Amino acid sequence: MNAARIISFAFAGISALPVEVQVQFAPGLPAFIIVGMADKAVGESRERVRAALTALGLSLPARRLVVNLSPADLAKARGDEPNIAPAAMALAEAAAERLRLSNRAFLRSLRVARSIADLAASTMVERAHVAEALSFRRRHGSG
């Protein structure tokens, strides 16, 4: 069993925490498995990998491919985009345009929405969280 190993990073606030990524072909039925407490976004990367290979005219070998993310107790998420529902982002963008928010004010509103989602024990910022953050902003007249 040959394994490839790289070091990547998971973000916790503004800190980057090292994550070891091991990829290997293992005995067993053909499958593409990601282990190590990966969140939904990381798990969905299987489909992105398949789509990218298909676009290149390639495919995964008919073998068992295992991707291990370590340490297992660290929650991994894609660092290139926030966990925000498309409807929530659409509401935030529309409000930013209507209220003529600066980039800084827009990001501040998203951070408040993230805090509201955290208080609701939600891993995803939903439309209701953004609406609440924006209503708080208007009530208190912050610009």
N, C-alpha and C. Protein backbone atom coordinates (compact mmCIF):
# COMPACT_ATOMS: atom_id res chain seq x y z
N MET A 1 0.84 -1.19 0.00
CA MET A 1 0.00 0.00 0.00
C MET A 1 0.88 1.24 0.00
N ASN A 2 0.94 1.95 -1.11
CA ASN A 2 1.67 3.20 -1.18
C ASN A 2 0.77 4.32 -0.71
N ALA A 3 1.36 5.26 0.05
CA ALA A 3 0.60 6.40 0.54
C ALA A 3 1.33 7.68 0.19
N ALA A 4 0.56 8.69 -0.20
CA ALA A 4 1.10 10.03 -0.41
C ALA A 4 0.75 10.85 0.82
N ARG A 5 1.61 11.76 1.21
CA ARG A 5 1.38 12.55 2.41
C ARG A 5 1.75 14.00 2.14
N ILE A 6 0.83 14.92 2.51
CA ILE A 6 1.11 16.35 2.45
C ILE A 6 0.62 16.99 3.74
N ILE A 7 1.08 18.19 4.00
CA ILE A 7 0.58 18.97 5.13
C ILE A 7 -0.26 20.10 4.56
N SER A 8 -1.49 20.22 5.06
CA SER A 8 -2.39 21.30 4.68
C SER A 8 -2.73 22.05 5.96
N PHE A 9 -3.76 22.88 5.91
CA PHE A 9 -4.13 23.64 7.09
C PHE A 9 -5.64 23.74 7.21
N ALA A 10 -6.11 23.78 8.45
CA ALA A 10 -7.52 24.06 8.77
C ALA A 10 -7.52 25.37 9.54
N PHE A 11 -8.53 26.19 9.32
CA PHE A 11 -8.58 27.48 9.98
C PHE A 11 -9.48 27.42 11.20
N ALA A 12 -8.98 27.99 12.29
CA ALA A 12 -9.75 28.17 13.53
C ALA A 12 -9.66 29.66 13.84
N GLY A 13 -10.67 30.40 13.44
CA GLY A 13 -10.60 31.85 13.55
C GLY A 13 -9.56 32.36 12.57
N ILE A 14 -8.55 33.05 13.09
CA ILE A 14 -7.49 33.54 12.21
C ILE A 14 -6.25 32.67 12.29
N SER A 15 -6.31 31.60 13.09
CA SER A 15 -5.18 30.69 13.23
C SER A 15 -5.26 29.58 12.19
N ALA A 16 -4.11 29.22 11.64
CA ALA A 16 -4.03 28.10 10.71
C ALA A 16 -3.41 26.92 11.45
N LEU A 17 -4.15 25.82 11.56
CA LEU A 17 -3.68 24.64 12.26
C LEU A 17 -3.27 23.58 11.25
N PRO A 18 -2.10 22.96 11.43
CA PRO A 18 -1.65 21.97 10.45
C PRO A 18 -2.53 20.72 10.45
N VAL A 19 -2.79 20.22 9.25
CA VAL A 19 -3.56 18.99 9.05
C VAL A 19 -2.75 18.11 8.11
N GLU A 20 -2.46 16.90 8.55
CA GLU A 20 -1.76 15.95 7.68
C GLU A 20 -2.80 15.24 6.81
N VAL A 21 -2.55 15.23 5.51
CA VAL A 21 -3.45 14.56 4.56
C VAL A 21 -2.68 13.37 3.99
N GLN A 22 -3.20 12.17 4.25
CA GLN A 22 -2.60 10.95 3.71
C GLN A 22 -3.58 10.35 2.71
N VAL A 23 -3.07 10.01 1.55
CA VAL A 23 -3.91 9.41 0.50
C VAL A 23 -3.28 8.09 0.10
N GLN A 24 -4.10 7.04 0.10
CA GLN A 24 -3.56 5.74 -0.28
C GLN A 24 -4.63 4.86 -0.92
N PHE A 25 -4.17 3.95 -1.76
CA PHE A 25 -5.03 2.92 -2.30
C PHE A 25 -4.96 1.76 -1.33
N ALA A 26 -6.12 1.25 -0.93
CA ALA A 26 -6.20 0.16 0.05
C ALA A 26 -6.93 -1.02 -0.55
N PRO A 27 -6.73 -2.20 0.02
CA PRO A 27 -7.47 -3.36 -0.47
C PRO A 27 -8.97 -3.20 -0.17
N GLY A 28 -9.79 -3.79 -1.00
CA GLY A 28 -11.23 -3.73 -0.79
C GLY A 28 -11.96 -3.33 -2.06
N LEU A 29 -13.27 -3.23 -1.94
CA LEU A 29 -14.10 -2.84 -3.07
C LEU A 29 -13.81 -1.39 -3.46
N PRO A 30 -14.00 -1.04 -4.74
CA PRO A 30 -13.75 0.34 -5.17
C PRO A 30 -14.60 1.33 -4.38
N ALA A 31 -13.94 2.35 -3.87
CA ALA A 31 -14.63 3.40 -3.11
C ALA A 31 -13.70 4.60 -2.99
N PHE A 32 -14.27 5.73 -2.63
CA PHE A 32 -13.51 6.96 -2.37
C PHE A 32 -13.96 7.40 -0.98
N ILE A 33 -13.09 7.22 0.02
CA ILE A 33 -13.46 7.43 1.41
C ILE A 33 -12.59 8.53 2.02
N ILE A 34 -13.22 9.47 2.74
CA ILE A 34 -12.49 10.49 3.48
C ILE A 34 -12.77 10.25 4.96
N VAL A 35 -11.71 10.04 5.75
CA VAL A 35 -11.86 9.77 7.18
C VAL A 35 -11.13 10.85 7.98
N GLY A 36 -11.46 10.95 9.26
CA GLY A 36 -10.80 11.91 10.12
C GLY A 36 -11.70 13.07 10.49
N MET A 37 -12.95 12.79 10.83
CA MET A 37 -13.92 13.80 11.25
C MET A 37 -14.08 14.94 10.26
N ALA A 38 -14.09 14.63 9.00
CA ALA A 38 -14.27 15.66 7.97
C ALA A 38 -15.70 16.18 8.03
N ASP A 39 -15.88 17.49 7.84
CA ASP A 39 -17.23 18.03 7.84
C ASP A 39 -17.88 17.82 6.46
N LYS A 40 -19.12 18.23 6.34
CA LYS A 40 -19.88 17.99 5.10
C LYS A 40 -19.20 18.60 3.87
N ALA A 41 -18.66 19.80 4.01
CA ALA A 41 -18.02 20.46 2.87
C ALA A 41 -16.82 19.68 2.38
N VAL A 42 -16.03 19.14 3.32
CA VAL A 42 -14.87 18.34 2.92
C VAL A 42 -15.34 17.03 2.29
N GLY A 43 -16.38 16.42 2.86
CA GLY A 43 -16.93 15.19 2.29
C GLY A 43 -17.44 15.39 0.87
N GLU A 44 -18.00 16.56 0.60
CA GLU A 44 -18.50 16.86 -0.74
C GLU A 44 -17.37 17.03 -1.75
N SER A 45 -16.16 17.19 -1.26
CA SER A 45 -15.02 17.36 -2.17
C SER A 45 -14.81 16.12 -3.03
N ARG A 46 -15.30 14.97 -2.58
CA ARG A 46 -15.22 13.76 -3.41
C ARG A 46 -15.83 14.02 -4.78
N GLU A 47 -16.99 14.66 -4.80
CA GLU A 47 -17.66 14.93 -6.07
C GLU A 47 -16.90 15.95 -6.90
N ARG A 48 -16.29 16.94 -6.23
CA ARG A 48 -15.48 17.92 -6.96
C ARG A 48 -14.26 17.26 -7.60
N VAL A 49 -13.65 16.32 -6.87
CA VAL A 49 -12.49 15.59 -7.42
C VAL A 49 -12.92 14.78 -8.63
N ARG A 50 -14.04 14.06 -8.50
CA ARG A 50 -14.54 13.26 -9.63
C ARG A 50 -14.85 14.15 -10.84
N ALA A 51 -15.49 15.29 -10.59
CA ALA A 51 -15.84 16.21 -11.69
C ALA A 51 -14.59 16.76 -12.37
N ALA A 52 -13.58 17.10 -11.57
CA ALA A 52 -12.34 17.62 -12.15
C ALA A 52 -11.64 16.56 -12.99
N LEU A 53 -11.62 15.34 -12.51
CA LEU A 53 -11.00 14.25 -13.28
C LEU A 53 -11.76 14.00 -14.57
N THR A 54 -13.09 14.02 -14.50
CA THR A 54 -13.92 13.82 -15.68
C THR A 54 -13.66 14.92 -16.71
N ALA A 55 -13.52 16.16 -16.23
CA ALA A 55 -13.26 17.28 -17.14
C ALA A 55 -11.92 17.11 -17.86
N LEU A 56 -10.99 16.40 -17.21
CA LEU A 56 -9.69 16.15 -17.82
C LEU A 56 -9.67 14.86 -18.66
N GLY A 57 -10.83 14.20 -18.72
CA GLY A 57 -10.90 12.94 -19.46
C GLY A 57 -10.33 11.77 -18.69
N LEU A 58 -10.23 11.89 -17.37
CA LEU A 58 -9.69 10.84 -16.51
C LEU A 58 -10.77 10.31 -15.59
N SER A 59 -10.47 9.25 -14.88
CA SER A 59 -11.39 8.73 -13.87
C SER A 59 -10.58 8.12 -12.75
N LEU A 60 -11.24 7.94 -11.61
CA LEU A 60 -10.58 7.28 -10.50
C LEU A 60 -10.37 5.82 -10.84
N PRO A 61 -9.25 5.23 -10.43
CA PRO A 61 -9.05 3.80 -10.66
C PRO A 61 -10.12 3.00 -9.91
N ALA A 62 -10.41 1.84 -10.39
CA ALA A 62 -11.42 0.97 -9.76
C ALA A 62 -10.79 0.28 -8.55
N ARG A 63 -10.33 1.08 -7.62
CA ARG A 63 -9.74 0.58 -6.37
C ARG A 63 -10.25 1.42 -5.22
N ARG A 64 -9.98 0.98 -4.01
CA ARG A 64 -10.41 1.70 -2.81
C ARG A 64 -9.40 2.81 -2.52
N LEU A 65 -9.87 4.07 -2.56
CA LEU A 65 -9.03 5.24 -2.29
C LEU A 65 -9.43 5.79 -0.93
N VAL A 66 -8.47 5.87 0.00
CA VAL A 66 -8.74 6.37 1.34
C VAL A 66 -7.93 7.64 1.58
N VAL A 67 -8.63 8.69 1.99
CA VAL A 67 -7.99 9.96 2.34
C VAL A 67 -8.17 10.13 3.85
N ASN A 68 -7.05 10.22 4.57
CA ASN A 68 -7.08 10.36 6.02
C ASN A 68 -6.65 11.77 6.39
N LEU A 69 -7.50 12.48 7.17
CA LEU A 69 -7.19 13.82 7.66
C LEU A 69 -6.83 13.71 9.13
N SER A 70 -5.66 14.20 9.52
CA SER A 70 -5.19 14.03 10.89
C SER A 70 -4.66 15.35 11.42
N PRO A 71 -4.93 15.75 12.65
CA PRO A 71 -5.51 14.97 13.73
C PRO A 71 -7.02 14.82 13.58
N ALA A 72 -7.53 13.67 13.98
CA ALA A 72 -8.95 13.34 13.79
C ALA A 72 -9.87 14.20 14.66
N ASP A 73 -9.37 14.72 15.78
CA ASP A 73 -10.25 15.49 16.67
C ASP A 73 -10.38 16.96 16.27
N LEU A 74 -9.71 17.35 15.20
CA LEU A 74 -9.80 18.72 14.70
C LEU A 74 -10.84 18.76 13.58
N ALA A 75 -11.86 19.59 13.76
CA ALA A 75 -12.88 19.71 12.71
C ALA A 75 -12.26 20.40 11.50
N LYS A 76 -12.39 19.78 10.32
CA LYS A 76 -11.84 20.36 9.10
C LYS A 76 -12.96 20.96 8.28
N ALA A 77 -12.67 22.07 7.68
CA ALA A 77 -13.61 22.70 6.76
C ALA A 77 -12.81 23.36 5.68
N ARG A 78 -13.44 23.57 4.54
CA ARG A 78 -12.74 24.28 3.47
C ARG A 78 -12.45 25.68 3.96
N GLY A 79 -11.26 26.14 3.74
CA GLY A 79 -10.90 27.46 4.19
C GLY A 79 -11.14 28.54 3.15
N ASP A 80 -11.54 28.17 1.95
CA ASP A 80 -11.64 29.16 0.88
C ASP A 80 -12.98 29.86 0.81
N GLU A 81 -13.94 29.44 1.63
CA GLU A 81 -15.22 30.13 1.61
C GLU A 81 -15.91 29.95 2.95
N PRO A 82 -16.75 30.89 3.34
CA PRO A 82 -17.44 30.76 4.63
C PRO A 82 -18.56 29.73 4.55
N ASN A 83 -18.99 29.23 5.71
CA ASN A 83 -20.13 28.34 5.78
C ASN A 83 -21.39 29.18 5.82
N ILE A 84 -21.81 29.63 4.65
CA ILE A 84 -22.99 30.49 4.56
C ILE A 84 -23.88 29.98 3.43
N ALA A 85 -25.15 29.82 3.75
CA ALA A 85 -26.11 29.33 2.76
C ALA A 85 -26.23 30.33 1.62
N PRO A 86 -26.44 29.86 0.38
CA PRO A 86 -26.57 30.77 -0.75
C PRO A 86 -27.66 31.83 -0.56
N ALA A 87 -28.79 31.44 0.02
CA ALA A 87 -29.87 32.41 0.25
C ALA A 87 -29.45 33.46 1.27
N ALA A 88 -28.64 33.07 2.25
CA ALA A 88 -28.14 34.01 3.24
C ALA A 88 -27.18 35.00 2.60
N MET A 89 -26.30 34.51 1.73
CA MET A 89 -25.35 35.39 1.05
C MET A 89 -26.09 36.35 0.12
N ALA A 90 -27.12 35.85 -0.57
CA ALA A 90 -27.90 36.71 -1.46
C ALA A 90 -28.56 37.84 -0.67
N LEU A 91 -29.11 37.52 0.50
CA LEU A 91 -29.73 38.54 1.35
C LEU A 91 -28.68 39.55 1.80
N ALA A 92 -27.52 39.06 2.24
CA ALA A 92 -26.45 39.95 2.72
C ALA A 92 -25.98 40.89 1.60
N GLU A 93 -25.81 40.35 0.40
CA GLU A 93 -25.35 41.17 -0.73
C GLU A 93 -26.40 42.21 -1.13
N ALA A 94 -27.67 41.81 -1.14
CA ALA A 94 -28.74 42.75 -1.48
C ALA A 94 -28.83 43.86 -0.43
N ALA A 95 -28.70 43.50 0.83
CA ALA A 95 -28.75 44.51 1.90
C ALA A 95 -27.55 45.45 1.81
N ALA A 96 -26.38 44.89 1.50
CA ALA A 96 -25.18 45.72 1.39
C ALA A 96 -25.34 46.76 0.29
N GLU A 97 -25.94 46.34 -0.81
CA GLU A 97 -26.16 47.28 -1.92
C GLU A 97 -27.20 48.33 -1.53
N ARG A 98 -28.32 47.86 -0.97
CA ARG A 98 -29.41 48.77 -0.61
C ARG A 98 -28.98 49.76 0.48
N LEU A 99 -28.21 49.28 1.46
CA LEU A 99 -27.78 50.13 2.57
C LEU A 99 -26.45 50.83 2.27
N ARG A 100 -25.89 50.55 1.09
CA ARG A 100 -24.60 51.12 0.68
C ARG A 100 -23.52 50.90 1.73
N LEU A 101 -23.39 49.63 2.13
CA LEU A 101 -22.39 49.28 3.15
C LEU A 101 -21.00 49.23 2.53
N SER A 102 -20.03 49.67 3.28
CA SER A 102 -18.64 49.51 2.86
C SER A 102 -18.28 48.03 2.98
N ASN A 103 -17.17 47.64 2.37
CA ASN A 103 -16.73 46.25 2.50
C ASN A 103 -16.55 45.88 3.96
N ARG A 104 -15.99 46.78 4.72
CA ARG A 104 -15.77 46.51 6.14
C ARG A 104 -17.09 46.29 6.87
N ALA A 105 -18.08 47.15 6.62
CA ALA A 105 -19.39 47.02 7.27
C ALA A 105 -20.09 45.73 6.83
N PHE A 106 -19.93 45.37 5.56
CA PHE A 106 -20.52 44.14 5.04
C PHE A 106 -19.92 42.93 5.78
N LEU A 107 -18.59 42.89 5.89
CA LEU A 107 -17.94 41.77 6.59
C LEU A 107 -18.29 41.75 8.07
N ARG A 108 -18.42 42.93 8.66
CA ARG A 108 -18.81 43.00 10.07
C ARG A 108 -20.20 42.41 10.26
N SER A 109 -21.12 42.70 9.33
CA SER A 109 -22.47 42.13 9.40
C SER A 109 -22.43 40.60 9.28
N LEU A 110 -21.57 40.10 8.40
CA LEU A 110 -21.44 38.64 8.26
C LEU A 110 -20.87 38.02 9.53
N ARG A 111 -19.94 38.72 10.19
CA ARG A 111 -19.39 38.19 11.45
C ARG A 111 -20.46 38.15 12.53
N VAL A 112 -21.32 39.16 12.58
CA VAL A 112 -22.42 39.14 13.54
C VAL A 112 -23.36 37.99 13.23
N ALA A 113 -23.66 37.77 11.95
CA ALA A 113 -24.53 36.65 11.55
C ALA A 113 -23.88 35.32 11.95
N ARG A 114 -22.56 35.21 11.80
CA ARG A 114 -21.84 33.98 12.19
C ARG A 114 -21.97 33.76 13.69
N SER A 115 -21.88 34.85 14.48
CA SER A 115 -22.04 34.75 15.93
C SER A 115 -23.45 34.30 16.30
N ILE A 116 -24.43 34.84 15.61
CA ILE A 116 -25.83 34.44 15.86
C ILE A 116 -26.01 32.97 15.52
N ALA A 117 -25.44 32.52 14.40
CA ALA A 117 -25.51 31.09 14.04
C ALA A 117 -24.82 30.23 15.09
N ASP A 118 -23.67 30.68 15.60
CA ASP A 118 -22.97 29.94 16.65
C ASP A 118 -23.83 29.81 17.90
N LEU A 119 -24.49 30.89 18.29
CA LEU A 119 -25.36 30.86 19.47
C LEU A 119 -26.54 29.91 19.26
N ALA A 120 -26.95 29.74 18.00
CA ALA A 120 -28.04 28.82 17.68
C ALA A 120 -27.52 27.40 17.43
N ALA A 121 -26.22 27.19 17.67
CA ALA A 121 -25.57 25.88 17.46
C ALA A 121 -25.71 25.41 16.02
N SER A 122 -25.61 26.35 15.09
CA SER A 122 -25.72 26.03 13.67
C SER A 122 -24.34 26.13 13.03
N THR A 123 -23.95 25.12 12.27
CA THR A 123 -22.65 25.17 11.58
C THR A 123 -22.75 26.03 10.32
N MET A 124 -23.95 26.27 9.85
CA MET A 124 -24.16 27.05 8.63
C MET A 124 -24.85 28.37 8.97
N VAL A 125 -24.38 29.46 8.39
CA VAL A 125 -25.06 30.74 8.54
C VAL A 125 -26.25 30.72 7.58
N GLU A 126 -27.44 30.80 8.14
CA GLU A 126 -28.67 30.75 7.35
C GLU A 126 -29.22 32.16 7.13
N ARG A 127 -30.21 32.24 6.26
CA ARG A 127 -30.84 33.52 5.93
C ARG A 127 -31.37 34.22 7.18
N ALA A 128 -31.97 33.47 8.10
CA ALA A 128 -32.52 34.05 9.33
C ALA A 128 -31.42 34.69 10.18
N HIS A 129 -30.23 34.10 10.18
CA HIS A 129 -29.12 34.66 10.96
C HIS A 129 -28.68 36.00 10.37
N VAL A 130 -28.60 36.07 9.04
CA VAL A 130 -28.22 37.32 8.37
C VAL A 130 -29.30 38.37 8.60
N ALA A 131 -30.57 37.97 8.48
CA ALA A 131 -31.67 38.92 8.70
C ALA A 131 -31.62 39.49 10.12
N GLU A 132 -31.35 38.63 11.10
CA GLU A 132 -31.26 39.11 12.48
C GLU A 132 -30.09 40.07 12.65
N ALA A 133 -28.94 39.73 12.07
CA ALA A 133 -27.77 40.60 12.16
C ALA A 133 -28.05 41.97 11.53
N LEU A 134 -28.71 41.95 10.38
CA LEU A 134 -29.03 43.21 9.69
C LEU A 134 -30.06 44.02 10.46
N SER A 135 -31.04 43.36 11.09
CA SER A 135 -32.06 44.09 11.85
C SER A 135 -31.43 44.71 13.09
N PHE A 136 -30.48 44.03 13.69
CA PHE A 136 -29.76 44.59 14.84
C PHE A 136 -28.99 45.82 14.41
N ARG A 137 -28.38 45.74 13.25
CA ARG A 137 -27.59 46.85 12.70
C ARG A 137 -28.48 48.09 12.50
N ARG A 138 -29.65 47.90 11.91
CA ARG A 138 -30.54 49.03 11.65
C ARG A 138 -31.10 49.61 12.96
N ARG A 139 -31.46 48.74 13.88
CA ARG A 139 -32.04 49.19 15.16
C ARG A 139 -31.07 50.08 15.93
N HIS A 140 -29.79 49.74 15.84
CA HIS A 140 -28.80 50.47 16.63
C HIS A 140 -28.09 51.54 15.80
N GLY A 141 -28.52 51.70 14.55
CA GLY A 141 -28.04 52.79 13.73
C GLY A 141 -26.56 52.78 13.42
N SER A 142 -25.91 51.62 13.54
CA SER A 142 -24.48 51.59 13.20
C SER A 142 -24.32 51.61 11.69
N GLY A 143 -23.31 52.29 11.22
CA GLY A 143 -23.12 52.47 9.79
C GLY A 143 -22.07 51.63 9.30
